[in-house]
Amino acid sequence: MSQEQPGQKPSSNLVITLEDVAKTAAAPPAYGAASAAAPPGVEAAPRKPESPPAGFWLRLAAKLIDLALILAVIFLVFVVKALLRSLTPREVWQIVQQSWVHILLYKALPMFIVTYFIYTIFTHAADGRSIGKGICGIRVVTPEGNFYRPCYFFGRFLAAGFSLLFLCIGHIMAGFRADKRALHDIVVGSRVVKG
């Protein structure tokens, strides 16, 4: 066993010296820490500015564009089905007049719900925006900041359905909050932002 000289640093890594404490205190801050904690003379990495929140009217316009697209697709499906059955426009109109409630409740409404469900989840999971949001220049930002998560947007879709209850108050509250978040955004932790 070798004897240590006075003033020599111990060879064991388990001993913490004042030099080690000073080095640790001067270490750069962890990722995401405040720039004020950076050592003097060292510039902190610039933080990415947050995008401004999308307002209520911009979100409503995007939703109306999405609804118009889905209704146009459903209308085209009915037209193609009528053409495949070799019906004239007059015969189609007579059928609609006679059983419009049946068509609306038992054919159009279920088709609308299924189409809207698939469209909403997969367009948002692909890029954080639907076609309507893309036209309006807004997008959904998840808490992690990433997309490609259909399960996350499925939960957001269900929460948005909950926001429709009680006269759409969950959606309307986005117009009155400073951060412009609707009830379903608060539930799942998402934000709708410009850009």
N, C-alpha and C. Protein backbone atom coordinates (compact mmCIF):
# COMPACT_ATOMS: atom_id res chain seq x y z
N MET A 1 0.85 -1.19 0.00
CA MET A 1 0.00 0.00 0.00
C MET A 1 0.88 1.23 0.00
N SER A 2 0.56 2.14 -0.89
CA SER A 2 1.36 3.37 -0.96
C SER A 2 0.77 4.41 -0.03
N GLN A 3 1.65 5.13 0.59
CA GLN A 3 1.21 6.19 1.51
C GLN A 3 1.07 7.48 0.74
N GLU A 4 0.04 8.26 1.05
CA GLU A 4 -0.19 9.52 0.35
C GLU A 4 0.58 10.63 1.04
N GLN A 5 1.15 11.48 0.23
CA GLN A 5 1.90 12.62 0.72
C GLN A 5 0.92 13.70 1.16
N PRO A 6 1.30 14.55 2.13
CA PRO A 6 0.42 15.65 2.52
C PRO A 6 0.24 16.61 1.35
N GLY A 7 -1.00 17.08 1.14
CA GLY A 7 -1.31 18.01 0.05
C GLY A 7 -1.60 17.31 -1.27
N GLN A 8 -1.45 15.99 -1.31
CA GLN A 8 -1.73 15.25 -2.55
C GLN A 8 -3.19 14.83 -2.54
N LYS A 9 -3.81 14.90 -3.73
CA LYS A 9 -5.22 14.54 -3.86
C LYS A 9 -5.39 13.04 -3.64
N PRO A 10 -6.38 12.63 -2.87
CA PRO A 10 -6.58 11.19 -2.64
C PRO A 10 -6.88 10.49 -3.97
N SER A 11 -6.49 9.24 -4.09
CA SER A 11 -6.68 8.50 -5.34
C SER A 11 -8.09 7.93 -5.47
N SER A 12 -8.83 7.88 -4.41
CA SER A 12 -10.17 7.32 -4.45
C SER A 12 -11.13 8.30 -5.11
N ASN A 13 -12.05 7.78 -5.94
CA ASN A 13 -13.06 8.60 -6.60
C ASN A 13 -14.25 8.90 -5.68
N LEU A 14 -14.27 8.26 -4.55
CA LEU A 14 -15.40 8.45 -3.64
C LEU A 14 -15.24 9.67 -2.75
N VAL A 15 -14.07 10.27 -2.75
CA VAL A 15 -13.84 11.43 -1.92
C VAL A 15 -14.17 12.68 -2.72
N ILE A 16 -14.99 13.54 -2.16
CA ILE A 16 -15.37 14.78 -2.82
C ILE A 16 -14.55 15.90 -2.22
N THR A 17 -13.86 16.62 -3.09
CA THR A 17 -13.02 17.73 -2.63
C THR A 17 -13.69 19.05 -2.95
N LEU A 18 -13.12 20.13 -2.42
CA LEU A 18 -13.65 21.46 -2.72
C LEU A 18 -13.52 21.80 -4.20
N GLU A 19 -12.49 21.26 -4.86
CA GLU A 19 -12.33 21.50 -6.31
C GLU A 19 -13.48 20.89 -7.09
N ASP A 20 -13.92 19.68 -6.69
CA ASP A 20 -15.03 19.02 -7.37
C ASP A 20 -16.32 19.81 -7.19
N VAL A 21 -16.52 20.34 -6.00
CA VAL A 21 -17.73 21.14 -5.75
C VAL A 21 -17.70 22.40 -6.60
N ALA A 22 -16.54 23.04 -6.72
CA ALA A 22 -16.42 24.27 -7.51
C ALA A 22 -16.66 23.98 -8.99
N LYS A 23 -16.17 22.84 -9.49
CA LYS A 23 -16.40 22.46 -10.89
C LYS A 23 -17.88 22.23 -11.16
N THR A 24 -18.55 21.57 -10.24
CA THR A 24 -19.97 21.29 -10.40
C THR A 24 -20.79 22.57 -10.38
N ALA A 25 -20.41 23.51 -9.53
CA ALA A 25 -21.14 24.77 -9.46
C ALA A 25 -20.95 25.59 -10.73
N ALA A 26 -19.80 25.45 -11.40
CA ALA A 26 -19.54 26.22 -12.61
C ALA A 26 -20.01 25.51 -13.86
N ALA A 27 -20.58 24.31 -13.73
CA ALA A 27 -21.03 23.56 -14.90
C ALA A 27 -22.19 24.29 -15.57
N PRO A 28 -22.34 24.14 -16.91
CA PRO A 28 -23.46 24.81 -17.59
C PRO A 28 -24.79 24.25 -17.14
N PRO A 29 -25.85 25.05 -17.21
CA PRO A 29 -27.16 24.58 -16.74
C PRO A 29 -27.70 23.48 -17.62
N ALA A 30 -28.56 22.68 -17.05
CA ALA A 30 -29.19 21.59 -17.80
C ALA A 30 -30.09 22.17 -18.88
N TYR A 31 -30.41 21.34 -19.88
CA TYR A 31 -31.26 21.78 -20.98
C TYR A 31 -32.60 22.26 -20.45
N GLY A 32 -33.02 23.42 -20.92
CA GLY A 32 -34.31 23.97 -20.52
C GLY A 32 -34.23 24.83 -19.29
N ALA A 33 -33.07 24.92 -18.66
CA ALA A 33 -32.95 25.78 -17.48
C ALA A 33 -32.91 27.23 -17.91
N ALA A 34 -33.15 28.12 -16.99
CA ALA A 34 -33.21 29.55 -17.31
C ALA A 34 -31.85 30.04 -17.77
N SER A 35 -31.86 30.99 -18.71
CA SER A 35 -30.60 31.50 -19.25
C SER A 35 -29.85 32.33 -18.23
N ALA A 36 -30.49 32.77 -17.15
CA ALA A 36 -29.82 33.56 -16.12
C ALA A 36 -28.80 32.71 -15.36
N ALA A 37 -28.95 31.37 -15.41
CA ALA A 37 -28.04 30.49 -14.70
C ALA A 37 -26.77 30.22 -15.49
N ALA A 38 -26.62 30.77 -16.70
CA ALA A 38 -25.43 30.54 -17.51
C ALA A 38 -24.24 31.25 -16.88
N PRO A 39 -23.06 30.63 -16.98
CA PRO A 39 -21.87 31.27 -16.40
C PRO A 39 -21.58 32.60 -17.07
N PRO A 40 -20.93 33.53 -16.37
CA PRO A 40 -20.65 34.83 -16.98
C PRO A 40 -19.72 34.67 -18.18
N GLY A 41 -19.99 35.47 -19.21
CA GLY A 41 -19.19 35.44 -20.43
C GLY A 41 -19.62 34.37 -21.42
N VAL A 42 -20.58 33.53 -21.04
CA VAL A 42 -21.06 32.48 -21.93
C VAL A 42 -22.49 32.80 -22.30
N GLU A 43 -22.76 32.86 -23.61
CA GLU A 43 -24.13 33.17 -24.06
C GLU A 43 -24.97 31.92 -23.99
N ALA A 44 -26.15 32.06 -23.46
CA ALA A 44 -27.08 30.93 -23.43
C ALA A 44 -27.67 30.74 -24.81
N ALA A 45 -28.04 29.50 -25.11
CA ALA A 45 -28.67 29.21 -26.41
C ALA A 45 -30.00 29.94 -26.48
N PRO A 46 -30.30 30.56 -27.63
CA PRO A 46 -31.57 31.28 -27.72
C PRO A 46 -32.74 30.32 -27.64
N ARG A 47 -33.74 30.71 -26.85
CA ARG A 47 -34.93 29.90 -26.72
C ARG A 47 -35.84 30.15 -27.91
N LYS A 48 -36.46 29.09 -28.39
CA LYS A 48 -37.38 29.21 -29.51
C LYS A 48 -38.62 29.96 -29.05
N PRO A 49 -38.97 31.05 -29.74
CA PRO A 49 -40.14 31.81 -29.28
C PRO A 49 -41.42 31.00 -29.45
N GLU A 50 -42.32 31.15 -28.49
CA GLU A 50 -43.59 30.44 -28.57
C GLU A 50 -44.48 31.09 -29.60
N SER A 51 -45.20 30.25 -30.33
CA SER A 51 -46.14 30.76 -31.32
C SER A 51 -47.34 31.35 -30.59
N PRO A 52 -47.93 32.42 -31.14
CA PRO A 52 -49.10 32.99 -30.48
C PRO A 52 -50.31 32.05 -30.61
N PRO A 53 -51.19 32.06 -29.62
CA PRO A 53 -52.36 31.18 -29.70
C PRO A 53 -53.32 31.61 -30.79
N ALA A 54 -53.99 30.63 -31.36
CA ALA A 54 -55.01 30.91 -32.38
C ALA A 54 -56.30 31.31 -31.68
N GLY A 55 -56.92 32.37 -32.13
CA GLY A 55 -58.14 32.87 -31.52
C GLY A 55 -59.36 32.04 -31.86
N PHE A 56 -60.45 32.35 -31.20
CA PHE A 56 -61.70 31.61 -31.36
C PHE A 56 -62.21 31.65 -32.79
N TRP A 57 -62.19 32.82 -33.43
CA TRP A 57 -62.77 32.96 -34.77
C TRP A 57 -61.94 32.23 -35.81
N LEU A 58 -60.65 32.20 -35.63
CA LEU A 58 -59.78 31.47 -36.55
C LEU A 58 -60.03 29.97 -36.42
N ARG A 59 -60.20 29.52 -35.20
CA ARG A 59 -60.51 28.10 -34.97
C ARG A 59 -61.87 27.73 -35.53
N LEU A 60 -62.84 28.63 -35.37
CA LEU A 60 -64.18 28.38 -35.90
C LEU A 60 -64.16 28.31 -37.42
N ALA A 61 -63.41 29.20 -38.06
CA ALA A 61 -63.30 29.18 -39.53
C ALA A 61 -62.70 27.87 -40.00
N ALA A 62 -61.66 27.40 -39.31
CA ALA A 62 -61.04 26.12 -39.68
C ALA A 62 -62.03 24.97 -39.54
N LYS A 63 -62.81 24.99 -38.46
CA LYS A 63 -63.80 23.93 -38.23
C LYS A 63 -64.88 23.95 -39.32
N LEU A 64 -65.33 25.14 -39.73
CA LEU A 64 -66.35 25.23 -40.78
C LEU A 64 -65.83 24.73 -42.12
N ILE A 65 -64.56 25.02 -42.41
CA ILE A 65 -63.96 24.51 -43.66
C ILE A 65 -63.90 22.99 -43.62
N ASP A 66 -63.50 22.42 -42.48
CA ASP A 66 -63.46 20.96 -42.35
C ASP A 66 -64.85 20.35 -42.52
N LEU A 67 -65.86 20.95 -41.89
CA LEU A 67 -67.22 20.44 -42.00
C LEU A 67 -67.72 20.51 -43.44
N ALA A 68 -67.41 21.60 -44.14
CA ALA A 68 -67.82 21.74 -45.54
C ALA A 68 -67.17 20.67 -46.41
N LEU A 69 -65.89 20.38 -46.17
CA LEU A 69 -65.20 19.34 -46.93
C LEU A 69 -65.82 17.97 -46.70
N ILE A 70 -66.13 17.67 -45.44
CA ILE A 70 -66.70 16.36 -45.13
C ILE A 70 -68.09 16.22 -45.72
N LEU A 71 -68.89 17.28 -45.62
CA LEU A 71 -70.24 17.23 -46.21
C LEU A 71 -70.18 17.11 -47.72
N ALA A 72 -69.20 17.75 -48.36
CA ALA A 72 -69.05 17.62 -49.81
C ALA A 72 -68.70 16.18 -50.20
N VAL A 73 -67.85 15.54 -49.42
CA VAL A 73 -67.49 14.14 -49.70
C VAL A 73 -68.72 13.25 -49.54
N ILE A 74 -69.50 13.45 -48.49
CA ILE A 74 -70.70 12.64 -48.28
C ILE A 74 -71.71 12.86 -49.40
N PHE A 75 -71.86 14.11 -49.82
CA PHE A 75 -72.76 14.41 -50.94
C PHE A 75 -72.31 13.69 -52.21
N LEU A 76 -71.01 13.70 -52.47
CA LEU A 76 -70.49 13.01 -53.66
C LEU A 76 -70.73 11.51 -53.58
N VAL A 77 -70.61 10.94 -52.39
CA VAL A 77 -70.87 9.51 -52.23
C VAL A 77 -72.32 9.19 -52.57
N PHE A 78 -73.25 10.01 -52.10
CA PHE A 78 -74.66 9.78 -52.42
C PHE A 78 -74.93 9.96 -53.91
N VAL A 79 -74.29 10.93 -54.53
CA VAL A 79 -74.49 11.16 -55.97
C VAL A 79 -73.96 9.96 -56.76
N VAL A 80 -72.77 9.48 -56.39
CA VAL A 80 -72.20 8.32 -57.10
C VAL A 80 -73.08 7.09 -56.91
N LYS A 81 -73.59 6.89 -55.69
CA LYS A 81 -74.49 5.75 -55.47
C LYS A 81 -75.75 5.87 -56.32
N ALA A 82 -76.28 7.07 -56.44
CA ALA A 82 -77.48 7.27 -57.27
C ALA A 82 -77.17 7.02 -58.74
N LEU A 83 -76.00 7.46 -59.19
CA LEU A 83 -75.62 7.22 -60.58
C LEU A 83 -75.41 5.73 -60.85
N LEU A 84 -74.83 5.02 -59.89
CA LEU A 84 -74.62 3.59 -60.06
C LEU A 84 -75.94 2.83 -60.10
N ARG A 85 -76.95 3.36 -59.45
CA ARG A 85 -78.28 2.72 -59.49
C ARG A 85 -79.07 3.17 -60.70
N SER A 86 -78.46 3.99 -61.54
CA SER A 86 -79.10 4.51 -62.77
C SER A 86 -80.38 5.28 -62.49
N LEU A 87 -80.37 6.08 -61.44
CA LEU A 87 -81.52 6.91 -61.11
C LEU A 87 -81.36 8.27 -61.78
N THR A 88 -82.45 8.81 -62.23
CA THR A 88 -82.43 10.16 -62.78
C THR A 88 -82.45 11.15 -61.62
N PRO A 89 -82.02 12.39 -61.85
CA PRO A 89 -82.09 13.39 -60.77
C PRO A 89 -83.49 13.55 -60.21
N ARG A 90 -84.53 13.42 -61.08
CA ARG A 90 -85.91 13.56 -60.59
C ARG A 90 -86.28 12.43 -59.63
N GLU A 91 -85.86 11.20 -59.95
CA GLU A 91 -86.13 10.06 -59.08
C GLU A 91 -85.40 10.22 -57.73
N VAL A 92 -84.16 10.70 -57.80
CA VAL A 92 -83.41 10.93 -56.57
C VAL A 92 -84.13 11.96 -55.71
N TRP A 93 -84.61 13.04 -56.33
CA TRP A 93 -85.31 14.09 -55.58
C TRP A 93 -86.59 13.57 -54.95
N GLN A 94 -87.30 12.70 -55.67
CA GLN A 94 -88.53 12.11 -55.12
C GLN A 94 -88.23 11.24 -53.90
N ILE A 95 -87.14 10.47 -53.99
CA ILE A 95 -86.75 9.63 -52.84
C ILE A 95 -86.40 10.51 -51.65
N VAL A 96 -85.66 11.58 -51.89
CA VAL A 96 -85.27 12.48 -50.81
C VAL A 96 -86.49 13.13 -50.18
N GLN A 97 -87.46 13.56 -51.02
CA GLN A 97 -88.67 14.19 -50.49
C GLN A 97 -89.49 13.22 -49.65
N GLN A 98 -89.55 11.97 -50.07
CA GLN A 98 -90.38 11.00 -49.37
C GLN A 98 -89.75 10.52 -48.06
N SER A 99 -88.43 10.39 -48.04
CA SER A 99 -87.81 9.80 -46.84
C SER A 99 -86.55 10.55 -46.42
N TRP A 100 -86.63 11.88 -46.37
CA TRP A 100 -85.44 12.66 -46.02
C TRP A 100 -85.01 12.45 -44.57
N VAL A 101 -85.99 12.21 -43.68
CA VAL A 101 -85.64 11.96 -42.28
C VAL A 101 -84.89 10.64 -42.16
N HIS A 102 -85.37 9.63 -42.88
CA HIS A 102 -84.70 8.32 -42.86
C HIS A 102 -83.28 8.44 -43.41
N ILE A 103 -83.13 9.14 -44.52
CA ILE A 103 -81.81 9.31 -45.14
C ILE A 103 -80.88 10.07 -44.20
N LEU A 104 -81.40 11.13 -43.61
CA LEU A 104 -80.57 11.95 -42.74
C LEU A 104 -80.12 11.19 -41.49
N LEU A 105 -81.07 10.54 -40.81
CA LEU A 105 -80.77 9.90 -39.54
C LEU A 105 -80.04 8.57 -39.68
N TYR A 106 -80.41 7.78 -40.69
CA TYR A 106 -79.89 6.42 -40.76
C TYR A 106 -78.79 6.24 -41.79
N LYS A 107 -78.59 7.20 -42.66
CA LYS A 107 -77.52 7.06 -43.65
C LYS A 107 -76.51 8.19 -43.55
N ALA A 108 -76.98 9.43 -43.63
CA ALA A 108 -76.05 10.56 -43.68
C ALA A 108 -75.38 10.81 -42.34
N LEU A 109 -76.13 10.76 -41.25
CA LEU A 109 -75.55 11.07 -39.94
C LEU A 109 -74.49 10.06 -39.51
N PRO A 110 -74.77 8.75 -39.60
CA PRO A 110 -73.70 7.80 -39.24
C PRO A 110 -72.47 7.93 -40.15
N MET A 111 -72.71 8.16 -41.45
CA MET A 111 -71.59 8.34 -42.36
C MET A 111 -70.80 9.59 -42.01
N PHE A 112 -71.50 10.65 -41.63
CA PHE A 112 -70.83 11.89 -41.23
C PHE A 112 -69.97 11.67 -39.98
N ILE A 113 -70.52 11.00 -38.98
CA ILE A 113 -69.79 10.78 -37.72
C ILE A 113 -68.53 9.95 -37.97
N VAL A 114 -68.66 8.87 -38.73
CA VAL A 114 -67.50 8.01 -39.00
C VAL A 114 -66.46 8.76 -39.82
N THR A 115 -66.90 9.47 -40.85
CA THR A 115 -65.96 10.22 -41.70
C THR A 115 -65.27 11.32 -40.91
N TYR A 116 -66.02 12.04 -40.10
CA TYR A 116 -65.43 13.12 -39.31
C TYR A 116 -64.43 12.57 -38.29
N PHE A 117 -64.76 11.44 -37.69
CA PHE A 117 -63.87 10.79 -36.72
C PHE A 117 -62.54 10.42 -37.37
N ILE A 118 -62.60 9.71 -38.49
CA ILE A 118 -61.37 9.27 -39.17
C ILE A 118 -60.58 10.47 -39.67
N TYR A 119 -61.28 11.41 -40.31
CA TYR A 119 -60.62 12.60 -40.86
C TYR A 119 -59.91 13.40 -39.78
N THR A 120 -60.60 13.65 -38.67
CA THR A 120 -60.03 14.48 -37.61
C THR A 120 -58.81 13.83 -36.98
N ILE A 121 -58.91 12.58 -36.63
CA ILE A 121 -57.81 11.92 -35.92
C ILE A 121 -56.57 11.79 -36.80
N PHE A 122 -56.75 11.33 -38.03
CA PHE A 122 -55.57 11.02 -38.84
C PHE A 122 -54.96 12.25 -39.50
N THR A 123 -55.74 13.27 -39.79
CA THR A 123 -55.10 14.48 -40.32
C THR A 123 -54.33 15.20 -39.22
N HIS A 124 -54.87 15.23 -38.01
CA HIS A 124 -54.15 15.87 -36.91
C HIS A 124 -52.92 15.06 -36.51
N ALA A 125 -53.03 13.73 -36.51
CA ALA A 125 -51.89 12.89 -36.13
C ALA A 125 -50.77 12.98 -37.16
N ALA A 126 -51.11 13.28 -38.41
CA ALA A 126 -50.08 13.35 -39.44
C ALA A 126 -49.23 14.61 -39.33
N ASP A 127 -49.88 15.76 -39.05
CA ASP A 127 -49.12 17.01 -39.05
C ASP A 127 -49.60 18.01 -38.01
N GLY A 128 -50.50 17.61 -37.14
CA GLY A 128 -51.00 18.53 -36.13
C GLY A 128 -52.05 19.48 -36.65
N ARG A 129 -52.51 19.25 -37.87
CA ARG A 129 -53.52 20.15 -38.43
C ARG A 129 -54.39 19.39 -39.42
N SER A 130 -55.63 19.82 -39.49
CA SER A 130 -56.54 19.31 -40.51
C SER A 130 -56.39 20.21 -41.73
N ILE A 131 -57.15 19.93 -42.78
CA ILE A 131 -57.09 20.77 -43.98
C ILE A 131 -57.57 22.17 -43.65
N GLY A 132 -58.64 22.28 -42.88
CA GLY A 132 -59.16 23.59 -42.49
C GLY A 132 -58.16 24.37 -41.67
N LYS A 133 -57.49 23.72 -40.74
CA LYS A 133 -56.46 24.40 -39.94
C LYS A 133 -55.28 24.81 -40.81
N GLY A 134 -54.94 23.97 -41.79
CA GLY A 134 -53.85 24.32 -42.70
C GLY A 134 -54.18 25.56 -43.52
N ILE A 135 -55.42 25.66 -44.00
CA ILE A 135 -55.84 26.83 -44.77
C ILE A 135 -55.82 28.08 -43.90
N CYS A 136 -56.23 27.94 -42.64
CA CYS A 136 -56.26 29.09 -41.72
C CYS A 136 -54.90 29.38 -41.08
N GLY A 137 -53.92 28.52 -41.31
CA GLY A 137 -52.57 28.77 -40.80
C GLY A 137 -52.42 28.50 -39.31
N ILE A 138 -53.15 27.50 -38.80
CA ILE A 138 -53.04 27.17 -37.37
C ILE A 138 -52.76 25.68 -37.24
N ARG A 139 -52.29 25.28 -36.06
CA ARG A 139 -52.02 23.86 -35.83
C ARG A 139 -52.17 23.54 -34.35
N VAL A 140 -52.35 22.26 -34.05
CA VAL A 140 -52.43 21.78 -32.69
C VAL A 140 -51.03 21.37 -32.24
N VAL A 141 -50.64 21.83 -31.06
CA VAL A 141 -49.34 21.47 -30.49
C VAL A 141 -49.59 20.61 -29.27
N THR A 142 -49.00 19.42 -29.26
CA THR A 142 -49.16 18.51 -28.13
C THR A 142 -48.21 18.91 -27.01
N PRO A 143 -48.40 18.40 -25.80
CA PRO A 143 -47.49 18.75 -24.70
C PRO A 143 -46.03 18.41 -25.01
N GLU A 144 -45.80 17.30 -25.72
CA GLU A 144 -44.44 16.92 -26.05
C GLU A 144 -43.94 17.64 -27.29
N GLY A 145 -44.84 18.29 -28.02
CA GLY A 145 -44.47 19.02 -29.22
C GLY A 145 -44.34 18.14 -30.44
N ASN A 146 -44.72 16.87 -30.36
CA ASN A 146 -44.62 16.00 -31.52
C ASN A 146 -46.00 15.55 -31.98
N PHE A 147 -46.02 14.92 -33.16
CA PHE A 147 -47.29 14.48 -33.72
C PHE A 147 -47.19 12.97 -33.97
N TYR A 148 -47.86 12.49 -34.96
CA TYR A 148 -47.84 11.07 -35.32
C TYR A 148 -48.32 10.20 -34.16
N ARG A 149 -49.30 10.71 -33.44
CA ARG A 149 -49.84 9.96 -32.31
C ARG A 149 -51.35 9.88 -32.42
N PRO A 150 -51.88 8.91 -33.19
CA PRO A 150 -53.33 8.80 -33.32
C PRO A 150 -54.04 8.60 -31.98
N CYS A 151 -53.42 7.89 -31.04
CA CYS A 151 -54.07 7.64 -29.74
C CYS A 151 -54.28 8.95 -28.98
N TYR A 152 -53.29 9.85 -29.06
CA TYR A 152 -53.42 11.14 -28.38
C TYR A 152 -54.59 11.93 -28.99
N PHE A 153 -54.65 11.96 -30.32
CA PHE A 153 -55.71 12.74 -30.97
C PHE A 153 -57.07 12.05 -30.86
N PHE A 154 -57.08 10.73 -30.63
CA PHE A 154 -58.35 10.05 -30.32
C PHE A 154 -58.88 10.58 -28.98
N GLY A 155 -58.00 10.69 -27.99
CA GLY A 155 -58.41 11.24 -26.69
C GLY A 155 -58.86 12.69 -26.82
N ARG A 156 -58.16 13.46 -27.66
CA ARG A 156 -58.54 14.86 -27.86
C ARG A 156 -59.90 14.94 -28.56
N PHE A 157 -60.17 14.01 -29.48
CA PHE A 157 -61.45 13.97 -30.17
C PHE A 157 -62.58 13.69 -29.18
N LEU A 158 -62.37 12.74 -28.27
CA LEU A 158 -63.39 12.44 -27.27
C LEU A 158 -63.62 13.63 -26.33
N ALA A 159 -62.52 14.29 -25.96
CA ALA A 159 -62.65 15.46 -25.09
C ALA A 159 -63.37 16.60 -25.82
N ALA A 160 -63.14 16.71 -27.15
CA ALA A 160 -63.84 17.73 -27.93
C ALA A 160 -65.34 17.44 -27.98
N GLY A 161 -65.69 16.16 -28.03
CA GLY A 161 -67.11 15.80 -27.96
C GLY A 161 -67.72 16.21 -26.64
N PHE A 162 -66.95 16.08 -25.56
CA PHE A 162 -67.41 16.52 -24.25
C PHE A 162 -67.58 18.04 -24.22
N SER A 163 -66.71 18.75 -24.97
CA SER A 163 -66.80 20.21 -25.04
C SER A 163 -68.08 20.68 -25.74
N LEU A 164 -68.68 19.80 -26.55
CA LEU A 164 -69.92 20.16 -27.25
C LEU A 164 -71.13 20.19 -26.31
N LEU A 165 -71.02 19.49 -25.20
CA LEU A 165 -72.14 19.44 -24.27
C LEU A 165 -72.43 20.82 -23.69
N PHE A 166 -73.63 21.01 -23.27
CA PHE A 166 -74.07 22.25 -22.63
C PHE A 166 -73.86 23.46 -23.55
N LEU A 167 -74.45 23.38 -24.73
CA LEU A 167 -74.46 24.49 -25.69
C LEU A 167 -73.05 24.89 -26.16
N CYS A 168 -72.19 23.91 -26.34
CA CYS A 168 -70.82 24.14 -26.86
C CYS A 168 -69.99 25.06 -25.97
N ILE A 169 -70.30 25.11 -24.70
CA ILE A 169 -69.60 26.04 -23.81
C ILE A 169 -68.11 25.72 -23.73
N GLY A 170 -67.75 24.43 -23.89
CA GLY A 170 -66.33 24.06 -23.86
C GLY A 170 -65.54 24.65 -25.01
N HIS A 171 -66.19 24.80 -26.17
CA HIS A 171 -65.53 25.42 -27.33
C HIS A 171 -65.55 26.94 -27.20
N ILE A 172 -66.66 27.48 -26.71
CA ILE A 172 -66.81 28.94 -26.62
C ILE A 172 -65.83 29.53 -25.62
N MET A 173 -65.46 28.77 -24.60
CA MET A 173 -64.55 29.32 -23.60
C MET A 173 -63.18 29.69 -24.18
N ALA A 174 -62.85 29.17 -25.37
CA ALA A 174 -61.58 29.55 -26.02
C ALA A 174 -61.58 31.03 -26.38
N GLY A 175 -62.74 31.60 -26.58
CA GLY A 175 -62.81 33.02 -26.92
C GLY A 175 -62.63 33.94 -25.73
N PHE A 176 -62.74 33.40 -24.52
CA PHE A 176 -62.67 34.24 -23.33
C PHE A 176 -61.41 34.04 -22.50
N ARG A 177 -60.66 33.01 -22.79
CA ARG A 177 -59.42 32.75 -22.04
C ARG A 177 -58.25 33.48 -22.67
N ALA A 178 -57.29 33.88 -21.86
CA ALA A 178 -56.11 34.59 -22.38
C ALA A 178 -55.25 33.68 -23.25
N ASP A 179 -55.18 32.37 -22.91
CA ASP A 179 -54.37 31.45 -23.70
C ASP A 179 -55.15 30.82 -24.85
N LYS A 180 -56.43 31.19 -25.01
CA LYS A 180 -57.29 30.75 -26.12
C LYS A 180 -57.43 29.23 -26.19
N ARG A 181 -57.45 28.59 -25.04
CA ARG A 181 -57.61 27.14 -25.01
C ARG A 181 -59.05 26.77 -24.70
N ALA A 182 -59.57 25.80 -25.45
CA ALA A 182 -60.91 25.29 -25.19
C ALA A 182 -60.82 24.23 -24.09
N LEU A 183 -61.98 23.74 -23.66
CA LEU A 183 -62.01 22.77 -22.58
C LEU A 183 -61.23 21.51 -22.94
N HIS A 184 -61.39 21.02 -24.17
CA HIS A 184 -60.68 19.80 -24.56
C HIS A 184 -59.17 20.02 -24.65
N ASP A 185 -58.73 21.25 -24.96
CA ASP A 185 -57.30 21.55 -24.94
C ASP A 185 -56.76 21.47 -23.52
N ILE A 186 -57.53 21.96 -22.56
CA ILE A 186 -57.10 21.93 -21.16
C ILE A 186 -57.04 20.49 -20.66
N VAL A 187 -58.03 19.69 -21.05
CA VAL A 187 -58.09 18.30 -20.59
C VAL A 187 -56.89 17.50 -21.05
N VAL A 188 -56.52 17.63 -22.33
CA VAL A 188 -55.41 16.82 -22.87
C VAL A 188 -54.08 17.56 -22.91
N GLY A 189 -54.07 18.85 -22.55
CA GLY A 189 -52.83 19.61 -22.48
C GLY A 189 -52.34 20.12 -23.81
N SER A 190 -53.21 20.23 -24.80
CA SER A 190 -52.79 20.72 -26.12
C SER A 190 -53.03 22.22 -26.23
N ARG A 191 -52.44 22.83 -27.26
CA ARG A 191 -52.66 24.23 -27.58
C ARG A 191 -52.87 24.33 -29.08
N VAL A 192 -53.68 25.29 -29.50
CA VAL A 192 -53.82 25.58 -30.93
C VAL A 192 -53.13 26.90 -31.17
N VAL A 193 -52.12 26.89 -32.04
CA VAL A 193 -51.29 28.07 -32.24
C VAL A 193 -51.25 28.45 -33.72
N LYS A 194 -50.83 29.69 -33.98
CA LYS A 194 -50.68 30.15 -35.35
C LYS A 194 -49.33 29.67 -35.89
N GLY A 195 -49.28 29.48 -37.20
CA GLY A 195 -48.01 29.15 -37.85
C GLY A 195 -47.75 27.67 -37.91
